[in-house]
Amino acid sequence: MSIKLLAIELYRAQQNVARIVAQIEAAPSSSPAETTAALREELRQAQAELKQLRKMLDDKKDSSSPQHYPGSMRSR
């Protein structure tokens, strides 16, 4: 997957996490425990996806950046 596509997916995952957090915060304290638990599980999964995408993007950026090795450049 290209860096651009990974960045788009990362943005979508960030938006999803933010949406779920907003739902949890907006949920009335009288809401059923099952509802809160389901939202927290959805948040956990969304955060795991976000972390995975962030790592994939970081790895992709590292592999595409030029490598500089000591001594590879000549002194002028």
PDB file of N, CA and C in Angstrom:
ATOM      1  N   MET A   1       0.850  -1.169   0.000  1.00  0.00           N
ATOM      2  CA  MET A   1       0.000   0.000   0.000  1.00  0.00           C
ATOM      3  C   MET A   1       0.902   1.241   0.000  1.00  0.00           C
ATOM      4  N   SER A   2       0.521   2.242  -0.740  1.00  0.00           N
ATOM      5  CA  SER A   2       1.335   3.450  -0.826  1.00  0.00           C
ATOM      6  C   SER A   2       1.224   4.276   0.457  1.00  0.00           C
ATOM      7  N   ILE A   3       2.181   5.164   0.620  1.00  0.00           N
ATOM      8  CA  ILE A   3       2.181   6.033   1.797  1.00  0.00           C
ATOM      9  C   ILE A   3       0.919   6.887   1.812  1.00  0.00           C
ATOM     10  N   LYS A   4       0.507   7.366   0.661  1.00  0.00           N
ATOM     11  CA  LYS A   4      -0.689   8.212   0.587  1.00  0.00           C
ATOM     12  C   LYS A   4      -1.928   7.448   1.051  1.00  0.00           C
ATOM     13  N   LEU A   5      -2.095   6.221   0.584  1.00  0.00           N
ATOM     14  CA  LEU A   5      -3.249   5.421   0.987  1.00  0.00           C
ATOM     15  C   LEU A   5      -3.203   5.083   2.476  1.00  0.00           C
ATOM     16  N   LEU A   6      -2.011   4.791   2.981  1.00  0.00           N
ATOM     17  CA  LEU A   6      -1.871   4.519   4.410  1.00  0.00           C
ATOM     18  C   LEU A   6      -2.239   5.754   5.227  1.00  0.00           C
ATOM     19  N   ALA A   7      -1.821   6.922   4.759  1.00  0.00           N
ATOM     20  CA  ALA A   7      -2.139   8.161   5.465  1.00  0.00           C
ATOM     21  C   ALA A   7      -3.642   8.409   5.477  1.00  0.00           C
ATOM     22  N   ILE A   8      -4.311   8.117   4.385  1.00  0.00           N
ATOM     23  CA  ILE A   8      -5.772   8.277   4.320  1.00  0.00           C
ATOM     24  C   ILE A   8      -6.448   7.320   5.299  1.00  0.00           C
ATOM     25  N   GLU A   9      -6.010   6.073   5.326  1.00  0.00           N
ATOM     26  CA  GLU A   9      -6.579   5.093   6.252  1.00  0.00           C
ATOM     27  C   GLU A   9      -6.298   5.484   7.701  1.00  0.00           C
ATOM     28  N   LEU A  10      -5.109   6.014   7.957  1.00  0.00           N
ATOM     29  CA  LEU A  10      -4.762   6.465   9.305  1.00  0.00           C
ATOM     30  C   LEU A  10      -5.697   7.590   9.732  1.00  0.00           C
ATOM     31  N   TYR A  11      -5.966   8.529   8.845  1.00  0.00           N
ATOM     32  CA  TYR A  11      -6.878   9.629   9.147  1.00  0.00           C
ATOM     33  C   TYR A  11      -8.274   9.098   9.459  1.00  0.00           C
ATOM     34  N   ARG A  12      -8.749   8.164   8.662  1.00  0.00           N
ATOM     35  CA  ARG A  12     -10.082   7.574   8.904  1.00  0.00           C
ATOM     36  C   ARG A  12     -10.124   6.867  10.257  1.00  0.00           C
ATOM     37  N   ALA A  13      -9.056   6.167  10.595  1.00  0.00           N
ATOM     38  CA  ALA A  13      -9.002   5.467  11.881  1.00  0.00           C
ATOM     39  C   ALA A  13      -8.995   6.468  13.035  1.00  0.00           C
ATOM     40  N   GLN A  14      -8.280   7.587  12.876  1.00  0.00           N
ATOM     41  CA  GLN A  14      -8.268   8.623  13.911  1.00  0.00           C
ATOM     42  C   GLN A  14      -9.661   9.210  14.090  1.00  0.00           C
ATOM     43  N   GLN A  15     -10.354   9.441  12.989  1.00  0.00           N
ATOM     44  CA  GLN A  15     -11.712   9.979  13.058  1.00  0.00           C
ATOM     45  C   GLN A  15     -12.648   8.986  13.745  1.00  0.00           C
ATOM     46  N   ASN A  16     -12.472   7.708  13.460  1.00  0.00           N
ATOM     47  CA  ASN A  16     -13.297   6.676  14.073  1.00  0.00           C
ATOM     48  C   ASN A  16     -13.085   6.635  15.587  1.00  0.00           C
ATOM     49  N   VAL A  17     -11.829   6.694  16.020  1.00  0.00           N
ATOM     50  CA  VAL A  17     -11.526   6.701  17.455  1.00  0.00           C
ATOM     51  C   VAL A  17     -12.159   7.927  18.106  1.00  0.00           C
ATOM     52  N   ALA A  18     -12.023   9.082  17.473  1.00  0.00           N
ATOM     53  CA  ALA A  18     -12.606  10.310  18.022  1.00  0.00           C
ATOM     54  C   ALA A  18     -14.123  10.209  18.116  1.00  0.00           C
ATOM     55  N   ARG A  19     -14.750   9.599  17.121  1.00  0.00           N
ATOM     56  CA  ARG A  19     -16.209   9.433  17.123  1.00  0.00           C
ATOM     57  C   ARG A  19     -16.659   8.541  18.282  1.00  0.00           C
ATOM     58  N   ILE A  20     -15.945   7.453  18.491  1.00  0.00           N
ATOM     59  CA  ILE A  20     -16.308   6.525  19.562  1.00  0.00           C
ATOM     60  C   ILE A  20     -16.108   7.179  20.928  1.00  0.00           C
ATOM     61  N   VAL A  21     -14.997   7.905  21.091  1.00  0.00           N
ATOM     62  CA  VAL A  21     -14.740   8.611  22.352  1.00  0.00           C
ATOM     63  C   VAL A  21     -15.868   9.606  22.622  1.00  0.00           C
ATOM     64  N   ALA A  22     -16.304  10.325  21.595  1.00  0.00           N
ATOM     65  CA  ALA A  22     -17.399  11.288  21.755  1.00  0.00           C
ATOM     66  C   ALA A  22     -18.692  10.577  22.156  1.00  0.00           C
ATOM     67  N   GLN A  23     -18.935   9.402  21.585  1.00  0.00           N
ATOM     68  CA  GLN A  23     -20.133   8.636  21.953  1.00  0.00           C
ATOM     69  C   GLN A  23     -20.080   8.212  23.417  1.00  0.00           C
ATOM     70  N   ILE A  24     -18.903   7.770  23.859  1.00  0.00           N
ATOM     71  CA  ILE A  24     -18.754   7.337  25.250  1.00  0.00           C
ATOM     72  C   ILE A  24     -18.981   8.518  26.186  1.00  0.00           C
ATOM     73  N   GLU A  25     -18.392   9.672  25.843  1.00  0.00           N
ATOM     74  CA  GLU A  25     -18.529  10.847  26.689  1.00  0.00           C
ATOM     75  C   GLU A  25     -19.954  11.379  26.701  1.00  0.00           C
ATOM     76  N   ALA A  26     -20.671  11.228  25.594  1.00  0.00           N
ATOM     77  CA  ALA A  26     -22.038  11.743  25.493  1.00  0.00           C
ATOM     78  C   ALA A  26     -23.070  10.789  26.080  1.00  0.00           C
ATOM     79  N   ALA A  27     -22.668   9.554  26.325  1.00  0.00           N
ATOM     80  CA  ALA A  27     -23.615   8.574  26.855  1.00  0.00           C
ATOM     81  C   ALA A  27     -24.038   8.976  28.262  1.00  0.00           C
ATOM     82  N   PRO A  28     -25.334   8.971  28.515  1.00  0.00           N
ATOM     83  CA  PRO A  28     -25.795   9.323  29.867  1.00  0.00           C
ATOM     84  C   PRO A  28     -25.303   8.295  30.890  1.00  0.00           C
ATOM     85  N   SER A  29     -25.082   8.763  32.090  1.00  0.00           N
ATOM     86  CA  SER A  29     -24.586   7.863  33.138  1.00  0.00           C
ATOM     87  C   SER A  29     -25.595   6.776  33.470  1.00  0.00           C
ATOM     88  N   SER A  30     -26.832   6.980  33.072  1.00  0.00           N
ATOM     89  CA  SER A  30     -27.865   5.980  33.336  1.00  0.00           C
ATOM     90  C   SER A  30     -27.967   4.934  32.232  1.00  0.00           C
ATOM     91  N   SER A  31     -27.106   5.028  31.224  1.00  0.00           N
ATOM     92  CA  SER A  31     -27.171   4.061  30.132  1.00  0.00           C
ATOM     93  C   SER A  31     -26.755   2.679  30.636  1.00  0.00           C
ATOM     94  N   PRO A  32     -27.292   1.636  30.018  1.00  0.00           N
ATOM     95  CA  PRO A  32     -26.981   0.269  30.458  1.00  0.00           C
ATOM     96  C   PRO A  32     -25.480  -0.033  30.374  1.00  0.00           C
ATOM     97  N   ALA A  33     -25.016  -0.845  31.294  1.00  0.00           N
ATOM     98  CA  ALA A  33     -23.600  -1.217  31.344  1.00  0.00           C
ATOM     99  C   ALA A  33     -23.177  -1.943  30.065  1.00  0.00           C
ATOM    100  N   GLU A  34     -24.108  -2.698  29.469  1.00  0.00           N
ATOM    101  CA  GLU A  34     -23.793  -3.432  28.247  1.00  0.00           C
ATOM    102  C   GLU A  34     -23.464  -2.467  27.104  1.00  0.00           C
ATOM    103  N   THR A  35     -24.194  -1.359  27.056  1.00  0.00           N
ATOM    104  CA  THR A  35     -23.951  -0.359  26.013  1.00  0.00           C
ATOM    105  C   THR A  35     -22.573   0.260  26.182  1.00  0.00           C
ATOM    106  N   THR A  36     -22.249   0.632  27.403  1.00  0.00           N
ATOM    107  CA  THR A  36     -20.943   1.224  27.688  1.00  0.00           C
ATOM    108  C   THR A  36     -19.830   0.221  27.411  1.00  0.00           C
ATOM    109  N   ALA A  37     -20.035  -1.009  27.812  1.00  0.00           N
ATOM    110  CA  ALA A  37     -19.030  -2.044  27.589  1.00  0.00           C
ATOM    111  C   ALA A  37     -18.820  -2.279  26.091  1.00  0.00           C
ATOM    112  N   ALA A  38     -19.895  -2.263  25.321  1.00  0.00           N
ATOM    113  CA  ALA A  38     -19.787  -2.462  23.872  1.00  0.00           C
ATOM    114  C   ALA A  38     -19.020  -1.314  23.223  1.00  0.00           C
ATOM    115  N   LEU A  39     -19.297  -0.097  23.675  1.00  0.00           N
ATOM    116  CA  LEU A  39     -18.577   1.058  23.140  1.00  0.00           C
ATOM    117  C   LEU A  39     -17.096   0.998  23.508  1.00  0.00           C
ATOM    118  N   ARG A  40     -16.799   0.591  24.732  1.00  0.00           N
ATOM    119  CA  ARG A  40     -15.402   0.493  25.154  1.00  0.00           C
ATOM    120  C   ARG A  40     -14.656  -0.584  24.358  1.00  0.00           C
ATOM    121  N   GLU A  41     -15.325  -1.675  24.042  1.00  0.00           N
ATOM    122  CA  GLU A  41     -14.709  -2.725  23.231  1.00  0.00           C
ATOM    123  C   GLU A  41     -14.485  -2.225  21.805  1.00  0.00           C
ATOM    124  N   GLU A  42     -15.469  -1.509  21.277  1.00  0.00           N
ATOM    125  CA  GLU A  42     -15.315  -0.929  19.940  1.00  0.00           C
ATOM    126  C   GLU A  42     -14.143   0.063  19.921  1.00  0.00           C
ATOM    127  N   LEU A  43     -14.007   0.837  21.000  1.00  0.00           N
ATOM    128  CA  LEU A  43     -12.899   1.786  21.113  1.00  0.00           C
ATOM    129  C   LEU A  43     -11.566   1.051  21.174  1.00  0.00           C
ATOM    130  N   ARG A  44     -11.511  -0.030  21.927  1.00  0.00           N
ATOM    131  CA  ARG A  44     -10.270  -0.802  22.033  1.00  0.00           C
ATOM    132  C   ARG A  44      -9.848  -1.320  20.668  1.00  0.00           C
ATOM    133  N   GLN A  45     -10.802  -1.843  19.909  1.00  0.00           N
ATOM    134  CA  GLN A  45     -10.502  -2.368  18.574  1.00  0.00           C
ATOM    135  C   GLN A  45     -10.078  -1.251  17.621  1.00  0.00           C
ATOM    136  N   ALA A  46     -10.741  -0.118  17.698  1.00  0.00           N
ATOM    137  CA  ALA A  46     -10.399   1.017  16.836  1.00  0.00           C
ATOM    138  C   ALA A  46      -9.013   1.551  17.168  1.00  0.00           C
ATOM    139  N   GLN A  47      -8.667   1.585  18.448  1.00  0.00           N
ATOM    140  CA  GLN A  47      -7.335   2.036  18.851  1.00  0.00           C
ATOM    141  C   GLN A  47      -6.260   1.055  18.385  1.00  0.00           C
ATOM    142  N   ALA A  48      -6.563  -0.230  18.424  1.00  0.00           N
ATOM    143  CA  ALA A  48      -5.612  -1.241  17.946  1.00  0.00           C
ATOM    144  C   ALA A  48      -5.388  -1.080  16.441  1.00  0.00           C
ATOM    145  N   GLU A  49      -6.452  -0.834  15.698  1.00  0.00           N
ATOM    146  CA  GLU A  49      -6.323  -0.611  14.256  1.00  0.00           C
ATOM    147  C   GLU A  49      -5.504   0.652  13.983  1.00  0.00           C
ATOM    148  N   LEU A  50      -5.763   1.708  14.749  1.00  0.00           N
ATOM    149  CA  LEU A  50      -5.021   2.957  14.600  1.00  0.00           C
ATOM    150  C   LEU A  50      -3.533   2.740  14.862  1.00  0.00           C
ATOM    151  N   LYS A  51      -3.226   2.011  15.919  1.00  0.00           N
ATOM    152  CA  LYS A  51      -1.830   1.731  16.252  1.00  0.00           C
ATOM    153  C   LYS A  51      -1.151   0.937  15.139  1.00  0.00           C
ATOM    154  N   GLN A  52      -1.853  -0.047  14.592  1.00  0.00           N
ATOM    155  CA  GLN A  52      -1.296  -0.869  13.518  1.00  0.00           C
ATOM    156  C   GLN A  52      -1.045  -0.024  12.267  1.00  0.00           C
ATOM    157  N   LEU A  53      -1.998   0.822  11.911  1.00  0.00           N
ATOM    158  CA  LEU A  53      -1.826   1.669  10.740  1.00  0.00           C
ATOM    159  C   LEU A  53      -0.689   2.665  10.938  1.00  0.00           C
ATOM    160  N   ARG A  54      -0.566   3.212  12.144  1.00  0.00           N
ATOM    161  CA  ARG A  54       0.510   4.148  12.438  1.00  0.00           C
ATOM    162  C   ARG A  54       1.871   3.468  12.274  1.00  0.00           C
ATOM    163  N   LYS A  55       1.966   2.225  12.758  1.00  0.00           N
ATOM    164  CA  LYS A  55       3.220   1.471  12.632  1.00  0.00           C
ATOM    165  C   LYS A  55       3.516   1.168  11.168  1.00  0.00           C
ATOM    166  N   MET A  56       2.498   0.781  10.424  1.00  0.00           N
ATOM    167  CA  MET A  56       2.687   0.489   9.001  1.00  0.00           C
ATOM    168  C   MET A  56       3.174   1.728   8.260  1.00  0.00           C
ATOM    169  N   LEU A  57       2.585   2.883   8.571  1.00  0.00           N
ATOM    170  CA  LEU A  57       2.987   4.118   7.911  1.00  0.00           C
ATOM    171  C   LEU A  57       4.414   4.494   8.292  1.00  0.00           C
ATOM    172  N   ASP A  58       4.752   4.375   9.566  1.00  0.00           N
ATOM    173  CA  ASP A  58       6.114   4.676  10.009  1.00  0.00           C
ATOM    174  C   ASP A  58       7.123   3.752   9.338  1.00  0.00           C
ATOM    175  N   ASP A  59       6.803   2.467   9.258  1.00  0.00           N
ATOM    176  CA  ASP A  59       7.701   1.504   8.605  1.00  0.00           C
ATOM    177  C   ASP A  59       7.867   1.837   7.123  1.00  0.00           C
ATOM    178  N   LYS A  60       6.770   2.216   6.486  1.00  0.00           N
ATOM    179  CA  LYS A  60       6.809   2.551   5.060  1.00  0.00           C
ATOM    180  C   LYS A  60       7.661   3.799   4.840  1.00  0.00           C
ATOM    181  N   LYS A  61       7.512   4.807   5.710  1.00  0.00           N
ATOM    182  CA  LYS A  61       8.310   6.027   5.582  1.00  0.00           C
ATOM    183  C   LYS A  61       9.785   5.727   5.798  1.00  0.00           C
ATOM    184  N   ASP A  62      10.090   4.872   6.780  1.00  0.00           N
ATOM    185  CA  ASP A  62      11.486   4.521   7.056  1.00  0.00           C
ATOM    186  C   ASP A  62      12.111   3.773   5.889  1.00  0.00           C
ATOM    187  N   SER A  63      11.363   2.886   5.264  1.00  0.00           N
ATOM    188  CA  SER A  63      11.919   2.086   4.171  1.00  0.00           C
ATOM    189  C   SER A  63      12.057   2.891   2.886  1.00  0.00           C
ATOM    190  N   SER A  64      11.268   3.955   2.746  1.00  0.00           N
ATOM    191  CA  SER A  64      11.350   4.733   1.516  1.00  0.00           C
ATOM    192  C   SER A  64      12.319   5.901   1.617  1.00  0.00           C
ATOM    193  N   SER A  65      12.768   6.223   2.829  1.00  0.00           N
ATOM    194  CA  SER A  65      13.716   7.324   2.966  1.00  0.00           C
ATOM    195  C   SER A  65      15.109   6.841   2.574  1.00  0.00           C
ATOM    196  N   PRO A  66      15.898   7.731   1.984  1.00  0.00           N
ATOM    197  CA  PRO A  66      17.250   7.322   1.574  1.00  0.00           C
ATOM    198  C   PRO A  66      18.098   6.957   2.787  1.00  0.00           C
ATOM    199  N   GLN A  67      18.875   5.913   2.610  1.00  0.00           N
ATOM    200  CA  GLN A  67      19.738   5.448   3.696  1.00  0.00           C
ATOM    201  C   GLN A  67      21.074   6.172   3.623  1.00  0.00           C
ATOM    202  N   HIS A  68      21.536   6.631   4.753  1.00  0.00           N
ATOM    203  CA  HIS A  68      22.837   7.295   4.827  1.00  0.00           C
ATOM    204  C   HIS A  68      23.744   6.440   5.693  1.00  0.00           C
ATOM    205  N   TYR A  69      24.813   6.009   5.103  1.00  0.00           N
ATOM    206  CA  TYR A  69      25.766   5.183   5.820  1.00  0.00           C
ATOM    207  C   TYR A  69      27.028   6.001   6.083  1.00  0.00           C
ATOM    208  N   PRO A  70      27.613   5.841   7.257  1.00  0.00           N
ATOM    209  CA  PRO A  70      28.852   6.570   7.537  1.00  0.00           C
ATOM    210  C   PRO A  70      29.924   6.212   6.511  1.00  0.00           C
ATOM    211  N   GLY A  71      30.592   7.227   6.030  1.00  0.00           N
ATOM    212  CA  GLY A  71      31.652   7.000   5.066  1.00  0.00           C
ATOM    213  C   GLY A  71      31.190   6.850   3.648  1.00  0.00           C
ATOM    214  N   SER A  72      29.891   6.898   3.400  1.00  0.00           N
ATOM    215  CA  SER A  72      29.397   6.713   2.033  1.00  0.00           C
ATOM    216  C   SER A  72      29.508   7.992   1.211  1.00  0.00           C
ATOM    217  N   MET A  73      29.633   9.125   1.883  1.00  0.00           N
ATOM    218  CA  MET A  73      29.782  10.394   1.181  1.00  0.00           C
ATOM    219  C   MET A  73      31.245  10.812   1.208  1.00  0.00           C
ATOM    220  N   ARG A  74      31.738  11.237   0.082  1.00  0.00           N
ATOM    221  CA  ARG A  74      33.136  11.670   0.012  1.00  0.00           C
ATOM    222  C   ARG A  74      33.271  13.089   0.549  1.00  0.00           C
ATOM    223  N   SER A  75      34.386  13.348   1.202  1.00  0.00           N
ATOM    224  CA  SER A  75      34.676  14.701   1.666  1.00  0.00           C
ATOM    225  C   SER A  75      35.109  15.541   0.501  1.00  0.00           C
ATOM    226  N   ARG A  76      34.790  16.784   0.551  1.00  0.00           N
ATOM    227  CA  ARG A  76      35.174  17.686  -0.553  1.00  0.00           C
ATOM    228  C   ARG A  76      36.256  18.590  -0.122  1.00  0.00           C
TER     229      ARG A  76
END
